[in-house]
Amino acid sequence: MAETSFERTGGGMPEQGGESGGAPQEASVSFEEAMEQLEAIVAKLESGDVPLEQAIELFQEGMRLSQLCGSKLEQVERKIEMLIETEQGLQRKPFAPEE
């Protein structure tokens, strides 16, 4: 099972503020790594074998990772352009997911 940042930090939440705060670490975590960490947290919480205090910390870490993944997906969506073939040739069109 993949080690979460929660486990690497000894079970506590990363401290806010200061030089070791959220943004630099989040930028270095890939989408895939964040998803693996999130899946590990969900599995632990679903097992029900986690003390309440640790479950709250895991939940908070999971929410942070969820927001990070959502942000990374939004960034990628903004970069995607669909090429549409028209009578005039190829045109660029911003990505708009079908809903």
C-alpha atoms as a PDB file:
ATOM      1  CA  MET A   1       0.000   0.000   0.000  1.00  0.00           C
ATOM      2  CA  ALA A   2       1.233   3.488  -0.857  1.00  0.00           C
ATOM      3  CA  GLU A   3       2.471   5.619   1.992  1.00  0.00           C
ATOM      4  CA  THR A   4       0.465   8.799   2.439  1.00  0.00           C
ATOM      5  CA  SER A   5       1.929  12.165   3.297  1.00  0.00           C
ATOM      6  CA  PHE A   6      -0.062  11.740   6.511  1.00  0.00           C
ATOM      7  CA  GLU A   7       2.031   8.680   7.361  1.00  0.00           C
ATOM      8  CA  ARG A   8       5.302  10.312   6.297  1.00  0.00           C
ATOM      9  CA  THR A   9       4.707  13.220   8.659  1.00  0.00           C
ATOM     10  CA  GLY A  10       4.126  10.930  11.623  1.00  0.00           C
ATOM     11  CA  GLY A  11       0.354  11.132  11.668  1.00  0.00           C
ATOM     12  CA  GLY A  12      -0.086  14.887  12.019  1.00  0.00           C
ATOM     13  CA  MET A  13      -1.309  17.447   9.583  1.00  0.00           C
ATOM     14  CA  PRO A  14       1.335  19.507   7.829  1.00  0.00           C
ATOM     15  CA  GLU A  15       1.816  22.765   9.655  1.00  0.00           C
ATOM     16  CA  GLN A  16       0.236  25.787   8.038  1.00  0.00           C
ATOM     17  CA  GLY A  17       2.372  28.828   7.389  1.00  0.00           C
ATOM     18  CA  GLY A  18       6.133  28.882   7.543  1.00  0.00           C
ATOM     19  CA  GLU A  19       8.398  27.566   4.858  1.00  0.00           C
ATOM     20  CA  SER A  20       7.241  23.952   5.121  1.00  0.00           C
ATOM     21  CA  GLY A  21       3.565  24.912   4.560  1.00  0.00           C
ATOM     22  CA  GLY A  22       1.210  23.586   1.897  1.00  0.00           C
ATOM     23  CA  ALA A  23       1.997  25.151  -1.494  1.00  0.00           C
ATOM     24  CA  PRO A  24       5.573  23.953  -2.195  1.00  0.00           C
ATOM     25  CA  GLN A  25       4.765  20.351  -1.256  1.00  0.00           C
ATOM     26  CA  GLU A  26       1.490  20.362  -3.216  1.00  0.00           C
ATOM     27  CA  ALA A  27       3.246  21.582  -6.357  1.00  0.00           C
ATOM     28  CA  SER A  28       5.668  18.644  -6.177  1.00  0.00           C
ATOM     29  CA  VAL A  29       2.926  16.008  -5.840  1.00  0.00           C
ATOM     30  CA  SER A  30       1.689  14.617  -9.161  1.00  0.00           C
ATOM     31  CA  PHE A  31      -1.985  13.974  -9.797  1.00  0.00           C
ATOM     32  CA  GLU A  32      -1.352  10.224  -9.733  1.00  0.00           C
ATOM     33  CA  GLU A  33       0.498  10.406  -6.395  1.00  0.00           C
ATOM     34  CA  ALA A  34      -2.266  12.504  -4.870  1.00  0.00           C
ATOM     35  CA  MET A  35      -4.890  10.008  -6.083  1.00  0.00           C
ATOM     36  CA  GLU A  36      -2.932   7.077  -4.613  1.00  0.00           C
ATOM     37  CA  GLN A  37      -2.684   8.880  -1.273  1.00  0.00           C
ATOM     38  CA  LEU A  38      -6.383   9.711  -1.382  1.00  0.00           C
ATOM     39  CA  GLU A  39      -7.308   6.089  -2.155  1.00  0.00           C
ATOM     40  CA  ALA A  40      -5.176   4.884   0.785  1.00  0.00           C
ATOM     41  CA  ILE A  41      -6.908   7.348   3.114  1.00  0.00           C
ATOM     42  CA  VAL A  42     -10.350   6.265   1.923  1.00  0.00           C
ATOM     43  CA  ALA A  43      -9.448   2.600   2.471  1.00  0.00           C
ATOM     44  CA  LYS A  44      -8.297   3.338   6.036  1.00  0.00           C
ATOM     45  CA  LEU A  45     -11.427   5.319   6.837  1.00  0.00           C
ATOM     46  CA  GLU A  46     -13.686   2.658   5.332  1.00  0.00           C
ATOM     47  CA  SER A  47     -12.010  -0.058   7.408  1.00  0.00           C
ATOM     48  CA  GLY A  48     -13.409   1.536  10.564  1.00  0.00           C
ATOM     49  CA  ASP A  49     -10.330   0.548  12.578  1.00  0.00           C
ATOM     50  CA  VAL A  50      -9.083   4.125  12.976  1.00  0.00           C
ATOM     51  CA  PRO A  51      -9.417   6.051  16.251  1.00  0.00           C
ATOM     52  CA  LEU A  52     -11.633   9.143  16.001  1.00  0.00           C
ATOM     53  CA  GLU A  53      -8.795  11.681  16.284  1.00  0.00           C
ATOM     54  CA  GLN A  54      -6.819   9.970  13.526  1.00  0.00           C
ATOM     55  CA  ALA A  55      -9.969   9.612  11.389  1.00  0.00           C
ATOM     56  CA  ILE A  56     -10.538  13.373  11.584  1.00  0.00           C
ATOM     57  CA  GLU A  57      -6.935  14.057  10.555  1.00  0.00           C
ATOM     58  CA  LEU A  58      -7.199  11.535   7.706  1.00  0.00           C
ATOM     59  CA  PHE A  59     -10.439  13.155   6.564  1.00  0.00           C
ATOM     60  CA  GLN A  60      -8.815  16.600   6.545  1.00  0.00           C
ATOM     61  CA  GLU A  61      -5.836  15.286   4.574  1.00  0.00           C
ATOM     62  CA  GLY A  62      -8.239  13.578   2.155  1.00  0.00           C
ATOM     63  CA  MET A  63     -10.135  16.823   1.606  1.00  0.00           C
ATOM     64  CA  ARG A  64      -6.870  18.658   0.899  1.00  0.00           C
ATOM     65  CA  LEU A  65      -5.824  15.978  -1.601  1.00  0.00           C
ATOM     66  CA  SER A  66      -9.267  16.039  -3.221  1.00  0.00           C
ATOM     67  CA  GLN A  67      -9.014  19.802  -3.713  1.00  0.00           C
ATOM     68  CA  LEU A  68      -5.485  19.410  -5.091  1.00  0.00           C
ATOM     69  CA  CYS A  69      -6.664  16.806  -7.623  1.00  0.00           C
ATOM     70  CA  GLY A  70      -9.597  18.987  -8.657  1.00  0.00           C
ATOM     71  CA  SER A  71      -7.284  21.946  -9.143  1.00  0.00           C
ATOM     72  CA  LYS A  72      -4.863  19.911 -11.247  1.00  0.00           C
ATOM     73  CA  LEU A  73      -7.737  18.651 -13.429  1.00  0.00           C
ATOM     74  CA  GLU A  74      -8.972  22.211 -13.963  1.00  0.00           C
ATOM     75  CA  GLN A  75      -5.481  23.280 -15.032  1.00  0.00           C
ATOM     76  CA  VAL A  76      -5.314  20.453 -17.554  1.00  0.00           C
ATOM     77  CA  GLU A  77      -8.788  21.216 -18.913  1.00  0.00           C
ATOM     78  CA  ARG A  78      -7.718  24.818 -19.556  1.00  0.00           C
ATOM     79  CA  LYS A  79      -4.732  23.581 -21.562  1.00  0.00           C
ATOM     80  CA  ILE A  80      -6.690  21.155 -23.720  1.00  0.00           C
ATOM     81  CA  GLU A  81      -7.762  22.466 -27.049  1.00  0.00           C
ATOM     82  CA  MET A  82      -9.868  20.570 -29.513  1.00  0.00           C
ATOM     83  CA  LEU A  83      -9.037  20.877 -33.168  1.00  0.00           C
ATOM     84  CA  ILE A  84     -12.113  21.095 -35.320  1.00  0.00           C
ATOM     85  CA  GLU A  85     -11.935  20.544 -39.027  1.00  0.00           C
ATOM     86  CA  THR A  86     -13.974  23.088 -40.943  1.00  0.00           C
ATOM     87  CA  GLU A  87     -14.167  24.197 -44.535  1.00  0.00           C
ATOM     88  CA  GLN A  88     -11.437  26.751 -43.782  1.00  0.00           C
ATOM     89  CA  GLY A  89      -9.107  24.127 -42.295  1.00  0.00           C
ATOM     90  CA  LEU A  90      -8.348  23.350 -38.658  1.00  0.00           C
ATOM     91  CA  GLN A  91      -9.547  25.704 -35.942  1.00  0.00           C
ATOM     92  CA  ARG A  92      -8.667  25.772 -32.267  1.00  0.00           C
ATOM     93  CA  LYS A  93     -11.493  25.650 -29.803  1.00  0.00           C
ATOM     94  CA  PRO A  94     -11.238  25.679 -25.979  1.00  0.00           C
ATOM     95  CA  PHE A  95     -12.012  22.383 -24.312  1.00  0.00           C
ATOM     96  CA  ALA A  96     -15.583  22.195 -23.049  1.00  0.00           C
ATOM     97  CA  PRO A  97     -16.492  18.826 -21.477  1.00  0.00           C
ATOM     98  CA  GLU A  98     -19.911  17.471 -22.341  1.00  0.00           C
ATOM     99  CA  GLU A  99     -22.240  17.530 -19.391  1.00  0.00           C
END
